[in-house]
Amino acid sequence: MGFKILSINPGGTSTKVALYDNEHPLVVETIKHSQKKLKAYRKTIDQLNCRKGLVSEFLRKNKIRIKDLSAVVGRGGPFKPLSSGTYLVNQKMLSDVKGGKVQADHVSNLGCLIAFELTRKTKVPAFIVDPVSVDEFPEVARISGLPELPRKSLSHALNIKMVARKAAKKLKKKYEKINLIVVHLGSGISVTSHLKGKMIDVNNANDGGPFSPQRAGSLPVTGLAKLCLSKDYSYAQIYEKITKKGGLLSYLGTDDVEEIERRMKKGDRKARLVYEAMVYQIAKEIGAMATTLRGKMDAIVLTGGIAFSKKLIRMIKRRVEFLAEVLVFPGEDEMEALTLGALRVLKKEEKVKEY
């Protein structure tokens, strides 16, 4: 019998739940939430009881008892800056999340709360793994150009760190011994540099880097300032424009990469230009990250939901493969990443960290 691990990943419109035996999934379910129901909650944290109740229903339906598990692991959110690893959910973490002492109000903050609520009457540990706020920057990487606006390390760290380890295994080397550039290609795009096991730089996908299916990426700053002060937009409208209605969506009216590729195939010149511009910016950011590693990379690794596009991968490769070997791990399996993080601690391959 292996370690039984329950993994919980709260997302914008769903809560994913899975029971694993070691790294093997036994039961996996995506619990959908209607936007109408979610909008009834003023703050994200107000969704806690609803989501926890639905997870409890999943457990009853599948006859899973918490006391029989080895661990419950939830997704970690934009907490305070933390080093990479698996953390025990403790009172300080819970207090910070409940008290709003986090870097953003994001649904991933609920992961630790749900895991704790399920385990608090048992001896089963509750963990989080590689939260959004994994921060391994050297001090030089924090300087932005304005003291009031330091660069922050916020990224798709959970999937990025798992894929970095997978790439190291494929290269038959230890993650802690190699240098990588790992690119998460999703609705937001994170381009990261890894120096011997530490993620030393990343563009915060909400603040800069390449534009993506939904996010605007780096923008002309003086023009943005003028837009903000034009009185045509509120802060909330500008924030939504930059983080949810920018990029491909703003130019082409869709964030569906497959749809855009179909348009290109039919001769849509605008679709081709904007698509190629996204590739151009991704490649340019990879080139910038190469300088943080002084050009010494073992591989460039491409992952995330839109990494399934063979066309996109082919176009990125053409621009960057002169720098290093390109490895591709399409998709983002955060449930697997959560489980493997808990498993490393349970197998004593890593020490659990204290928040």
Protein backbone atom coordinates (compact mmCIF):
# COMPACT_ATOMS: atom_id res chain seq x y z
CA MET A 1 0.00 0.00 0.00
CA GLY A 2 1.28 3.45 -0.92
CA PHE A 3 0.66 6.88 0.54
CA LYS A 4 -2.94 8.04 0.06
CA ILE A 5 -3.05 11.76 -0.77
CA LEU A 6 -6.05 14.00 -1.35
CA SER A 7 -5.22 16.97 -3.60
CA ILE A 8 -7.42 20.08 -3.85
CA ASN A 9 -7.06 22.86 -6.41
CA PRO A 10 -9.55 25.76 -6.19
CA GLY A 11 -9.83 27.56 -9.54
CA GLY A 12 -11.80 30.46 -10.95
CA THR A 13 -14.80 28.39 -12.07
CA SER A 14 -14.13 24.98 -10.52
CA THR A 15 -12.56 23.07 -7.66
CA LYS A 16 -10.51 20.07 -8.76
CA VAL A 17 -10.25 17.17 -6.30
CA ALA A 18 -8.27 13.96 -6.67
CA LEU A 19 -7.31 10.95 -4.57
CA TYR A 20 -3.86 9.52 -5.31
CA ASP A 21 -2.09 6.32 -4.29
CA ASN A 22 1.48 7.59 -4.40
CA GLU A 23 1.69 9.27 -7.83
CA HIS A 24 -1.19 7.24 -9.31
CA PRO A 25 -4.62 8.93 -9.49
CA LEU A 26 -7.48 6.76 -8.19
CA VAL A 27 -10.40 9.21 -8.37
CA VAL A 28 -10.38 12.61 -10.08
CA GLU A 29 -13.25 15.09 -10.30
CA THR A 30 -13.72 18.67 -11.43
CA ILE A 31 -16.50 20.33 -9.44
CA LYS A 32 -17.96 23.15 -11.54
CA HIS A 33 -19.18 26.44 -10.02
CA SER A 34 -21.59 28.76 -11.80
CA GLN A 35 -20.43 32.35 -12.27
CA LYS A 36 -23.81 33.53 -10.98
CA LYS A 37 -23.31 31.71 -7.70
CA LEU A 38 -19.71 32.86 -7.26
CA LYS A 39 -20.62 36.50 -7.92
CA ALA A 40 -22.95 36.36 -4.93
CA TYR A 41 -19.87 36.26 -2.68
CA ARG A 42 -18.34 39.69 -2.01
CA LYS A 43 -14.85 38.33 -1.25
CA THR A 44 -13.15 35.18 -2.44
CA ILE A 45 -12.71 33.92 1.12
CA ASP A 46 -16.50 33.97 1.52
CA GLN A 47 -16.60 30.98 -0.87
CA LEU A 48 -14.82 28.76 1.67
CA ASN A 49 -17.82 26.96 3.21
CA CYS A 50 -19.44 26.35 -0.17
CA ARG A 51 -16.31 24.86 -1.72
CA LYS A 52 -15.41 22.86 1.38
CA GLY A 53 -18.95 21.44 1.45
CA LEU A 54 -18.67 20.29 -2.16
CA VAL A 55 -15.30 18.63 -1.44
CA SER A 56 -16.86 16.87 1.58
CA GLU A 57 -19.64 15.66 -0.71
CA PHE A 58 -16.99 14.25 -3.08
CA LEU A 59 -15.45 12.38 -0.13
CA ARG A 60 -18.80 10.92 0.97
CA LYS A 61 -19.71 9.89 -2.57
CA ASN A 62 -16.41 8.06 -3.01
CA LYS A 63 -16.35 6.65 0.56
CA ILE A 64 -13.06 8.39 1.37
CA ARG A 65 -12.31 8.96 5.06
CA ILE A 66 -9.85 11.71 5.94
CA LYS A 67 -8.42 9.67 8.85
CA ASP A 68 -7.36 6.96 6.37
CA LEU A 69 -5.25 9.41 4.32
CA SER A 70 -1.53 10.14 4.55
CA ALA A 71 -1.99 13.85 3.73
CA VAL A 72 -4.33 16.47 2.30
CA VAL A 73 -2.67 19.04 0.06
CA GLY A 74 -4.18 22.27 -1.24
CA ARG A 75 -2.96 24.77 -3.82
CA GLY A 76 -1.01 27.70 -2.36
CA GLY A 77 -1.80 31.26 -3.36
CA PRO A 78 -0.06 34.64 -3.58
CA PHE A 79 1.03 34.57 0.07
CA LYS A 80 4.01 36.50 1.37
CA PRO A 81 7.25 35.72 -0.55
CA LEU A 82 8.33 32.13 0.15
CA SER A 83 11.08 29.80 -1.00
CA SER A 84 10.09 26.78 -3.06
CA GLY A 85 8.93 23.65 -1.26
CA THR A 86 6.14 21.88 0.60
CA TYR A 87 4.74 23.75 3.61
CA LEU A 88 2.74 22.50 6.57
CA VAL A 89 -0.45 24.52 6.92
CA ASN A 90 -0.13 26.27 10.29
CA GLN A 91 -1.97 28.95 12.22
CA LYS A 92 0.27 31.75 10.90
CA MET A 93 -0.60 30.83 7.29
CA LEU A 94 -4.31 30.61 8.10
CA SER A 95 -4.19 33.93 9.98
CA ASP A 96 -2.47 35.71 7.07
CA VAL A 97 -5.01 34.42 4.54
CA LYS A 98 -8.03 35.19 6.71
CA GLY A 99 -6.61 38.60 7.61
CA GLY A 100 -5.90 39.55 4.00
CA LYS A 101 -2.12 39.60 4.54
CA VAL A 102 -1.52 38.22 1.05
CA GLN A 103 -0.28 39.80 -2.17
CA ALA A 104 -3.60 39.37 -3.99
CA ASP A 105 -7.19 38.25 -3.41
CA HIS A 106 -7.02 35.06 -5.44
CA VAL A 107 -9.03 31.85 -5.26
CA SER A 108 -5.85 29.78 -4.78
CA ASN A 109 -5.66 31.23 -1.25
CA LEU A 110 -8.55 28.92 -0.35
CA GLY A 111 -6.46 25.76 -0.88
CA CYS A 112 -4.79 25.87 2.53
CA LEU A 113 -8.07 26.73 4.29
CA ILE A 114 -9.97 23.81 2.77
CA ALA A 115 -7.11 21.37 3.49
CA PHE A 116 -6.93 22.54 7.11
CA GLU A 117 -10.70 22.42 7.68
CA LEU A 118 -10.82 18.83 6.42
CA THR A 119 -7.93 17.62 8.60
CA ARG A 120 -8.21 19.71 11.79
CA LYS A 121 -9.96 16.98 13.82
CA THR A 122 -7.45 14.32 12.73
CA LYS A 123 -3.70 13.73 12.86
CA VAL A 124 -3.49 13.89 9.04
CA PRO A 125 -1.16 16.73 7.93
CA ALA A 126 -2.36 19.52 5.63
CA PHE A 127 0.17 20.87 3.12
CA ILE A 128 0.54 23.43 0.35
CA VAL A 129 3.18 23.12 -2.39
CA ASP A 130 5.09 25.79 -4.37
CA PRO A 131 2.58 28.63 -4.00
CA VAL A 132 2.10 31.44 -6.51
CA SER A 133 4.42 33.58 -4.35
CA VAL A 134 7.54 31.38 -4.63
CA ASP A 135 10.33 33.98 -4.45
CA GLU A 136 13.98 33.00 -4.98
CA PHE A 137 15.11 36.32 -6.51
CA PRO A 138 18.55 37.71 -5.80
CA GLU A 139 18.29 41.34 -4.62
CA VAL A 140 19.43 42.68 -8.01
CA ALA A 141 16.31 41.19 -9.64
CA ARG A 142 13.94 43.19 -7.41
CA ILE A 143 14.97 46.61 -8.71
CA SER A 144 12.46 47.94 -11.24
CA GLY A 145 13.44 51.52 -12.02
CA LEU A 146 11.14 53.14 -9.44
CA PRO A 147 11.65 52.51 -5.70
CA GLU A 148 7.88 52.61 -5.16
CA LEU A 149 7.39 49.69 -7.56
CA PRO A 150 9.72 46.76 -6.76
CA ARG A 151 9.58 43.71 -9.04
CA LYS A 152 7.66 40.85 -7.46
CA SER A 153 8.01 37.11 -7.94
CA LEU A 154 4.48 35.89 -8.73
CA SER A 155 4.16 33.07 -11.24
CA HIS A 156 2.72 29.68 -12.20
CA ALA A 157 5.30 28.24 -9.80
CA LEU A 158 3.49 24.99 -9.02
CA ASN A 159 3.54 23.70 -12.60
CA ILE A 160 6.86 25.38 -13.45
CA LYS A 161 8.75 23.71 -10.60
CA MET A 162 7.28 20.28 -11.37
CA VAL A 163 8.15 20.57 -15.05
CA ALA A 164 11.67 21.79 -14.22
CA ARG A 165 12.20 18.58 -12.24
CA LYS A 166 10.79 16.51 -15.11
CA ALA A 167 13.16 18.24 -17.54
CA ALA A 168 16.11 17.50 -15.24
CA LYS A 169 15.08 13.84 -15.12
CA LYS A 170 14.89 13.72 -18.93
CA LEU A 171 18.37 15.24 -19.09
CA LYS A 172 19.49 12.63 -16.53
CA LYS A 173 20.68 15.33 -14.18
CA LYS A 174 19.60 16.78 -10.84
CA TYR A 175 17.46 19.92 -10.91
CA GLU A 176 19.80 21.43 -8.31
CA LYS A 177 22.78 20.97 -10.67
CA ILE A 178 21.45 22.53 -13.90
CA ASN A 179 20.29 25.81 -15.42
CA LEU A 180 16.96 26.09 -17.24
CA ILE A 181 14.59 28.57 -18.79
CA VAL A 182 11.03 27.35 -18.19
CA VAL A 183 8.14 29.00 -20.03
CA HIS A 184 4.56 28.49 -18.85
CA LEU A 185 2.24 29.13 -21.80
CA GLY A 186 -1.32 29.68 -20.61
CA SER A 187 -3.90 32.46 -20.41
CA GLY A 188 -0.97 34.27 -18.81
CA ILE A 189 2.65 33.59 -19.76
CA SER A 190 5.48 33.21 -17.23
CA VAL A 191 9.08 33.07 -18.49
CA THR A 192 11.41 31.93 -15.72
CA SER A 193 15.14 31.36 -15.26
CA HIS A 194 16.41 28.61 -12.96
CA LEU A 195 19.94 28.59 -11.57
CA LYS A 196 20.87 25.30 -9.92
CA GLY A 197 17.44 24.64 -8.41
CA LYS A 198 16.36 28.22 -7.72
CA MET A 199 13.94 30.28 -9.81
CA ILE A 200 16.00 33.48 -9.88
CA ASP A 201 13.85 35.59 -12.23
CA VAL A 202 10.37 35.69 -13.75
CA ASN A 203 8.09 38.20 -15.36
CA ASN A 204 4.93 38.69 -13.30
CA ALA A 205 2.38 37.86 -16.01
CA ASN A 206 -0.01 40.55 -14.69
CA ASP A 207 2.66 43.25 -14.85
CA GLY A 208 4.85 42.55 -17.85
CA GLY A 209 6.61 40.11 -20.12
CA PRO A 210 5.07 38.86 -23.38
CA PHE A 211 1.41 39.45 -24.05
CA SER A 212 -0.68 36.30 -23.92
CA PRO A 213 -4.18 35.10 -24.81
CA GLN A 214 -5.68 37.35 -22.10
CA ARG A 215 -2.94 39.55 -20.61
CA ALA A 216 -1.45 42.69 -22.05
CA GLY A 217 2.16 42.06 -20.95
CA SER A 218 4.66 44.93 -20.97
CA LEU A 219 3.07 48.15 -22.20
CA PRO A 220 4.35 51.62 -23.16
CA VAL A 221 4.44 53.11 -19.65
CA THR A 222 3.76 56.77 -20.43
CA GLY A 223 0.84 55.80 -22.66
CA LEU A 224 -0.56 53.57 -19.91
CA ALA A 225 -0.26 56.40 -17.38
CA LYS A 226 -2.15 58.71 -19.75
CA LEU A 227 -4.86 56.07 -20.21
CA CYS A 228 -5.21 55.65 -16.43
CA LEU A 229 -5.57 59.40 -15.86
CA SER A 230 -7.96 59.99 -18.77
CA LYS A 231 -11.03 59.51 -16.51
CA ASP A 232 -12.41 57.12 -19.13
CA TYR A 233 -11.60 54.11 -16.91
CA SER A 234 -11.76 53.20 -13.24
CA TYR A 235 -8.88 51.29 -11.63
CA ALA A 236 -10.98 48.10 -11.77
CA GLN A 237 -11.61 48.58 -15.50
CA ILE A 238 -7.91 49.19 -16.24
CA TYR A 239 -6.93 46.15 -14.16
CA GLU A 240 -9.42 43.95 -16.04
CA LYS A 241 -8.27 45.37 -19.38
CA ILE A 242 -4.63 44.50 -18.59
CA THR A 243 -5.11 41.09 -16.92
CA LYS A 244 -8.25 39.58 -18.49
CA LYS A 245 -9.09 41.47 -21.68
CA GLY A 246 -5.66 42.17 -23.14
CA GLY A 247 -3.38 40.25 -25.49
CA LEU A 248 -4.92 38.11 -28.24
CA LEU A 249 -8.42 38.80 -26.91
CA SER A 250 -8.05 42.57 -27.25
CA TYR A 251 -6.81 42.40 -30.84
CA LEU A 252 -8.81 39.48 -32.23
CA GLY A 253 -11.88 39.18 -30.02
CA THR A 254 -10.94 35.67 -28.88
CA ASP A 255 -8.33 34.07 -26.61
CA ASP A 256 -8.79 30.66 -28.27
CA VAL A 257 -5.44 29.81 -29.90
CA GLU A 258 -6.97 27.00 -31.98
CA GLU A 259 -9.59 29.40 -33.38
CA ILE A 260 -6.89 31.94 -34.27
CA GLU A 261 -4.84 29.25 -36.01
CA ARG A 262 -7.91 28.31 -38.06
CA ARG A 263 -8.29 31.97 -39.07
CA MET A 264 -4.65 32.08 -40.09
CA LYS A 265 -5.12 28.97 -42.23
CA LYS A 266 -7.97 30.75 -44.03
CA GLY A 267 -5.69 33.69 -44.83
CA ASP A 268 -6.56 36.12 -42.00
CA ARG A 269 -3.55 38.46 -42.13
CA LYS A 270 -4.38 40.31 -38.90
CA ALA A 271 -4.66 37.03 -36.98
CA ARG A 272 -1.27 35.96 -38.34
CA LEU A 273 0.40 39.26 -37.46
CA VAL A 274 -0.88 39.31 -33.85
CA TYR A 275 -0.08 35.60 -33.35
CA GLU A 276 3.44 36.11 -34.68
CA ALA A 277 3.84 39.16 -32.43
CA MET A 278 3.04 37.00 -29.38
CA VAL A 279 5.64 34.44 -30.49
CA TYR A 280 8.12 37.28 -31.07
CA GLN A 281 7.59 38.61 -27.55
CA ILE A 282 7.84 35.15 -25.95
CA ALA A 283 11.13 34.53 -27.75
CA LYS A 284 12.43 37.98 -26.81
CA GLU A 285 11.67 37.33 -23.12
CA ILE A 286 13.46 33.96 -23.33
CA GLY A 287 16.46 35.79 -24.76
CA ALA A 288 16.35 38.29 -21.89
CA MET A 289 16.20 35.47 -19.32
CA ALA A 290 19.22 33.85 -20.98
CA THR A 291 21.30 36.82 -19.82
CA THR A 292 20.39 36.11 -16.18
CA LEU A 293 22.12 32.74 -16.63
CA ARG A 294 25.02 34.27 -18.60
CA GLY A 295 23.91 32.20 -21.59
CA LYS A 296 24.64 28.89 -19.84
CA MET A 297 21.42 26.86 -20.09
CA ASP A 298 21.02 23.10 -20.17
CA ALA A 299 17.60 23.49 -21.84
CA ILE A 300 14.67 25.74 -22.63
CA VAL A 301 11.45 24.10 -21.40
CA LEU A 302 7.98 24.90 -22.77
CA THR A 303 4.86 23.94 -20.82
CA GLY A 304 1.27 25.04 -20.14
CA GLY A 305 -2.10 24.65 -21.84
CA ILE A 306 -1.27 26.28 -25.16
CA ALA A 307 1.97 24.29 -25.45
CA PHE A 308 -0.26 21.63 -27.06
CA SER A 309 -0.20 23.81 -30.21
CA LYS A 310 2.41 22.29 -32.50
CA LYS A 311 2.39 25.44 -34.61
CA LEU A 312 3.12 27.70 -31.65
CA ILE A 313 5.91 25.44 -30.38
CA ARG A 314 7.44 25.21 -33.85
CA MET A 315 7.47 29.00 -34.24
CA ILE A 316 9.00 29.58 -30.80
CA LYS A 317 11.65 26.92 -31.46
CA ARG A 318 12.75 28.61 -34.67
CA ARG A 319 13.59 31.75 -32.74
CA VAL A 320 15.27 30.28 -29.63
CA GLU A 321 16.72 26.83 -30.34
CA PHE A 322 20.12 28.41 -31.13
CA LEU A 323 20.35 29.17 -27.39
CA ALA A 324 19.80 25.64 -26.03
CA GLU A 325 17.92 22.38 -26.53
CA VAL A 326 14.14 22.89 -26.38
CA LEU A 327 12.04 20.41 -24.36
CA VAL A 328 8.23 20.41 -24.42
CA PHE A 329 5.88 19.25 -21.64
CA PRO A 330 2.41 20.40 -22.79
CA GLY A 331 -0.41 20.99 -20.32
CA GLU A 332 -0.45 21.97 -16.67
CA ASP A 333 -1.15 19.17 -14.22
CA GLU A 334 -1.35 21.03 -10.94
CA MET A 335 -2.99 18.06 -9.23
CA GLU A 336 0.05 15.92 -10.00
CA ALA A 337 2.35 18.73 -8.87
CA LEU A 338 0.54 19.04 -5.53
CA THR A 339 0.65 15.29 -5.00
CA LEU A 340 4.34 14.92 -5.87
CA GLY A 341 5.21 17.76 -3.48
CA ALA A 342 3.41 16.05 -0.61
CA LEU A 343 4.92 12.71 -1.61
CA ARG A 344 8.49 14.05 -1.45
CA VAL A 345 7.88 15.02 2.19
CA LEU A 346 6.10 11.78 3.11
CA LYS A 347 8.96 9.76 1.58
CA LYS A 348 11.45 11.96 3.47
CA GLU A 349 13.11 13.07 0.23
CA GLU A 350 12.52 16.66 1.37
CA LYS A 351 11.92 18.31 4.73
CA VAL A 352 8.56 19.95 5.23
CA LYS A 353 8.84 23.73 5.57
CA GLU A 354 7.33 26.02 8.18
CA TYR A 355 5.45 29.08 7.02
